[in-house]
């Protein structure tokens, strides 16, 4: 589904991505882990087309997105959903308006069809009946759930998650992870999750990639990563800061 080859990105003299290569299979959840400031969010911004690499390629469903423009790029983006770290809800819109926004802007569905989709999405995230509330009336966990409902509303082939549980308490963190796992089982999307939640992220990821010094240090199943003998991986998993 996604193939990244030799991705490089620098900001001035600071090299953030240094030959990053990774393949993500259709229908799997890939978790990308690594220390803070190690380039995880920069990597994700390349995947969703917010940044262009200095060199290297990103192919999503046979489309090279680093060079794609216009209609070709729009078609790929329409197949993707994003759950941003802070949720990125519109404060002036109700929950229903926030969730329906992608369909209202891009689809030709009727108001009734969109309303039905919103109701289904809210059921999926366990928040039925709050369509008329505003973001200011919601808890942090509820905002994350509404943002996930919005990301799911277009039935995307690919979902990108930028540290979706940041700022949540341990109970809500596990709840959001379960929710991601359950919606993945229902819709079968390909998921890429940028996360620092160790070891909780291992519960929902099919594979895990360790990002270190701008490149993928190791990739494997959660079991393989947890039992890795690589000193960089071991040091990170035990709470150290690898240099």
Protein backbone atom coordinates (compact mmCIF):
# COMPACT_ATOMS: atom_id res chain seq x y z
CA UNK A 1 0.00 0.00 0.00
CA UNK A 2 2.80 2.44 0.92
CA UNK A 3 6.44 2.20 -0.07
CA UNK A 4 8.98 4.77 1.15
CA UNK A 5 12.43 4.62 -0.40
CA UNK A 6 15.56 6.50 0.74
CA UNK A 7 13.73 9.56 2.08
CA UNK A 8 15.95 12.51 3.01
CA UNK A 9 15.00 15.85 4.55
CA UNK A 10 17.07 18.62 6.10
CA UNK A 11 16.15 21.97 7.60
CA UNK A 12 19.19 24.13 7.11
CA UNK A 13 22.13 22.12 8.41
CA UNK A 14 19.92 19.86 10.54
CA UNK A 15 19.30 16.52 8.84
CA UNK A 16 16.02 15.07 10.10
CA UNK A 17 15.42 12.16 7.71
CA UNK A 18 18.49 10.29 6.52
CA UNK A 19 17.72 7.62 3.96
CA UNK A 20 14.49 6.39 5.54
CA UNK A 21 12.99 3.34 3.80
CA UNK A 22 9.89 1.43 4.85
CA UNK A 23 7.15 -0.68 3.25
CA UNK A 24 3.65 -0.80 4.74
CA UNK A 25 1.33 -3.60 3.67
CA UNK A 26 -2.30 -3.13 2.75
CA UNK A 27 -4.59 -3.55 5.74
CA UNK A 28 -1.93 -3.52 8.45
CA UNK A 29 -1.37 -1.11 11.31
CA UNK A 30 2.23 0.09 11.35
CA UNK A 31 3.40 1.91 14.47
CA UNK A 32 6.41 4.21 14.12
CA UNK A 33 8.22 4.74 17.41
CA UNK A 34 11.31 6.67 18.44
CA UNK A 35 12.52 9.33 20.82
CA UNK A 36 11.05 12.84 20.90
CA UNK A 37 12.54 15.10 18.26
CA UNK A 38 13.69 12.11 16.25
CA UNK A 39 11.73 12.94 13.10
CA UNK A 40 8.50 10.97 13.55
CA UNK A 41 6.16 13.91 12.90
CA UNK A 42 8.31 15.15 9.99
CA UNK A 43 8.05 11.68 8.49
CA UNK A 44 4.26 11.70 8.85
CA UNK A 45 4.01 15.14 7.23
CA UNK A 46 5.78 13.70 4.20
CA UNK A 47 3.29 10.85 4.01
CA UNK A 48 0.31 13.20 3.97
CA UNK A 49 1.95 15.59 1.53
CA UNK A 50 2.50 18.55 3.85
CA UNK A 51 6.27 18.39 3.29
CA UNK A 52 8.35 17.52 0.24
CA UNK A 53 11.58 15.53 0.68
CA UNK A 54 14.98 16.71 -0.49
CA UNK A 55 15.28 13.32 -2.19
CA UNK A 56 13.67 9.91 -2.14
CA UNK A 57 10.21 8.63 -3.04
CA UNK A 58 6.86 7.82 -1.45
CA UNK A 59 4.55 5.59 -3.46
CA UNK A 60 0.97 5.19 -2.27
CA UNK A 61 -1.12 2.78 -4.33
CA UNK A 62 1.16 3.16 -7.40
CA UNK A 63 1.12 6.98 -7.15
CA UNK A 64 4.41 8.80 -6.46
CA UNK A 65 3.07 11.49 -4.15
CA UNK A 66 6.29 13.51 -3.92
CA UNK A 67 5.91 14.50 -7.57
CA UNK A 68 2.12 14.17 -8.03
CA UNK A 69 0.14 17.35 -8.60
CA UNK A 70 -3.42 18.51 -9.16
CA UNK A 71 -6.07 15.87 -9.74
CA UNK A 72 -3.71 12.93 -9.26
CA UNK A 73 -2.66 14.12 -5.81
CA UNK A 74 -6.24 15.01 -4.86
CA UNK A 75 -7.41 11.47 -5.69
CA UNK A 76 -4.81 9.97 -3.37
CA UNK A 77 -5.61 12.41 -0.57
CA UNK A 78 -9.31 11.59 -0.85
CA UNK A 79 -8.46 8.00 0.02
CA UNK A 80 -6.67 9.05 3.20
CA UNK A 81 -7.84 10.19 6.61
CA UNK A 82 -5.81 11.93 9.31
CA UNK A 83 -6.21 12.03 13.08
CA UNK A 84 -4.10 14.97 14.22
CA UNK A 85 -2.42 15.07 17.62
CA UNK A 86 -4.71 17.75 19.03
CA UNK A 87 -7.82 16.57 17.20
CA UNK A 88 -7.98 19.79 15.11
CA UNK A 89 -11.73 20.23 15.61
CA UNK A 90 -13.37 23.49 14.55
CA UNK A 91 -14.50 25.27 17.71
CA UNK A 92 -17.32 27.15 15.98
CA UNK A 93 -18.88 23.96 14.59
CA UNK A 94 -21.01 21.38 16.34
CA UNK A 95 -19.88 17.77 16.60
CA UNK A 96 -22.12 16.88 13.66
CA UNK A 97 -20.74 19.72 11.54
CA UNK A 98 -17.16 18.77 12.41
CA UNK A 99 -17.63 15.13 11.48
CA UNK A 100 -19.59 15.83 8.30
CA UNK A 101 -17.17 18.51 7.07
CA UNK A 102 -15.14 16.25 4.72
CA UNK A 103 -18.29 14.87 3.10
CA UNK A 104 -20.00 18.25 2.89
CA UNK A 105 -16.94 19.68 1.13
CA UNK A 106 -16.02 16.82 -1.19
CA UNK A 107 -18.89 14.38 -1.71
CA UNK A 108 -22.16 14.49 -3.61
CA UNK A 109 -24.09 12.69 -0.90
CA UNK A 110 -27.46 14.07 0.15
CA UNK A 111 -27.94 15.72 3.53
CA UNK A 112 -29.82 12.62 4.69
CA UNK A 113 -26.98 10.32 3.61
CA UNK A 114 -24.41 12.53 5.32
CA UNK A 115 -26.51 12.65 8.49
CA UNK A 116 -26.76 8.86 8.50
CA UNK A 117 -22.97 8.58 8.06
CA UNK A 118 -22.43 10.95 10.99
CA UNK A 119 -24.73 8.89 13.20
CA UNK A 120 -22.94 5.67 12.23
CA UNK A 121 -19.52 7.23 12.87
CA UNK A 122 -20.61 8.38 16.32
CA UNK A 123 -21.84 4.88 17.13
CA UNK A 124 -18.47 3.51 15.97
CA UNK A 125 -16.66 5.71 18.51
CA UNK A 126 -19.21 5.26 21.29
CA UNK A 127 -20.56 8.81 21.29
CA UNK A 128 -24.05 8.56 19.84
CA UNK A 129 -26.41 11.41 20.68
CA UNK A 130 -23.92 14.28 21.02
CA UNK A 131 -24.33 15.71 17.51
CA UNK A 132 -25.36 19.17 18.77
CA UNK A 133 -22.55 19.71 21.25
CA UNK A 134 -19.54 21.95 20.60
CA UNK A 135 -15.86 20.98 21.15
CA UNK A 136 -15.65 23.22 24.23
CA UNK A 137 -18.27 21.02 25.89
CA UNK A 138 -16.24 17.83 25.39
CA UNK A 139 -13.52 16.18 27.43
CA UNK A 140 -10.11 15.49 25.91
CA UNK A 141 -10.97 11.86 25.29
CA UNK A 142 -14.29 12.77 23.65
CA UNK A 143 -12.52 15.22 21.34
CA UNK A 144 -10.18 12.42 20.23
CA UNK A 145 -13.18 10.20 19.53
CA UNK A 146 -14.94 12.89 17.52
CA UNK A 147 -11.75 13.49 15.54
CA UNK A 148 -11.54 9.75 14.82
CA UNK A 149 -15.17 9.75 13.70
CA UNK A 150 -14.36 12.59 11.28
CA UNK A 151 -11.34 10.69 9.97
CA UNK A 152 -13.51 7.60 9.37
CA UNK A 153 -16.46 9.40 7.76
CA UNK A 154 -15.09 9.17 4.20
CA UNK A 155 -14.31 5.43 4.63
CA UNK A 156 -10.60 5.98 3.83
CA UNK A 157 -8.26 3.27 2.58
CA UNK A 158 -5.45 4.72 4.71
CA UNK A 159 -5.56 6.40 8.12
CA UNK A 160 -2.65 8.39 9.54
CA UNK A 161 -2.51 8.92 13.31
CA UNK A 162 -0.21 11.59 14.76
CA UNK A 163 0.30 10.55 18.40
CA UNK A 164 -3.47 10.08 18.92
CA UNK A 165 -3.30 9.55 22.69
CA UNK A 166 -1.08 12.49 23.68
CA UNK A 167 -2.32 14.16 26.85
CA UNK A 168 -4.70 11.38 27.88
CA UNK A 169 -4.68 9.52 31.18
CA UNK A 170 -3.78 5.80 31.10
CA UNK A 171 -7.40 4.62 31.17
CA UNK A 172 -8.45 6.87 28.28
CA UNK A 173 -5.25 6.00 26.41
CA UNK A 174 -6.14 2.30 26.45
CA UNK A 175 -9.72 3.16 25.50
CA UNK A 176 -8.60 5.07 22.39
CA UNK A 177 -6.22 2.25 21.42
CA UNK A 178 -9.06 -0.27 21.73
CA UNK A 179 -11.23 2.01 19.65
CA UNK A 180 -8.61 2.23 16.90
CA UNK A 181 -8.27 -1.56 16.98
CA UNK A 182 -12.03 -2.11 16.78
CA UNK A 183 -12.58 0.35 13.92
CA UNK A 184 -9.63 -1.21 12.08
CA UNK A 185 -11.30 -4.62 12.35
CA UNK A 186 -14.55 -3.17 11.00
CA UNK A 187 -13.18 -1.12 8.11
CA UNK A 188 -9.84 -2.79 7.33
CA UNK A 189 -7.97 0.43 6.60
CA UNK A 190 -4.19 0.61 6.39
CA UNK A 191 -3.00 2.50 9.46
CA UNK A 192 0.19 4.39 10.23
CA UNK A 193 0.48 5.47 13.87
CA UNK A 194 3.17 7.80 15.15
CA UNK A 195 3.43 6.99 18.84
CA UNK A 196 5.56 7.28 21.95
CA UNK A 197 3.24 5.11 24.04
CA UNK A 198 5.42 2.14 24.97
CA UNK A 199 4.38 -0.65 25.53
CA UNK A 200 0.66 0.13 24.97
CA UNK A 201 1.02 0.65 21.21
CA UNK A 202 2.17 -2.97 20.86
CA UNK A 203 -1.39 -4.10 21.65
CA UNK A 204 -2.86 -2.75 18.40
CA UNK A 205 0.06 -2.64 15.93
CA UNK A 206 0.66 -5.45 13.46
CA UNK A 207 4.23 -4.26 12.99
CA UNK A 208 6.46 -1.67 14.63
CA UNK A 209 9.22 0.44 13.05
CA UNK A 210 11.88 2.06 15.23
CA UNK A 211 13.04 5.44 13.89
CA UNK A 212 16.54 6.45 14.96
CA UNK A 213 18.78 9.19 13.58
CA UNK A 214 16.46 9.76 10.62
CA UNK A 215 16.31 6.16 9.42
CA UNK A 216 14.50 2.95 10.32
CA UNK A 217 16.68 1.12 12.81
CA UNK A 218 14.54 -2.00 12.97
CA UNK A 219 11.09 -3.18 11.92
CA UNK A 220 9.14 -6.23 13.04
CA UNK A 221 6.11 -7.54 14.87
CA UNK A 222 5.54 -6.27 18.41
CA UNK A 223 6.97 -9.54 19.72
CA UNK A 224 10.06 -9.23 17.56
CA UNK A 225 10.67 -5.63 18.65
CA UNK A 226 10.16 -6.43 22.33
CA UNK A 227 12.65 -9.31 22.13
CA UNK A 228 15.15 -7.44 19.94
CA UNK A 229 18.82 -7.62 20.90
CA UNK A 230 19.62 -4.39 19.02
CA UNK A 231 21.13 -2.09 21.68
CA UNK A 232 19.44 1.02 20.22
CA UNK A 233 16.02 -0.65 20.41
CA UNK A 234 16.68 -2.13 23.85
CA UNK A 235 17.82 1.23 25.24
CA UNK A 236 14.71 2.98 23.92
CA UNK A 237 12.29 0.35 25.21
CA UNK A 238 13.79 0.46 28.69
CA UNK A 239 13.41 4.22 28.90
CA UNK A 240 16.84 5.42 27.86
CA UNK A 241 17.59 8.18 25.39
CA UNK A 242 19.76 6.76 22.61
CA UNK A 243 22.16 9.16 20.95
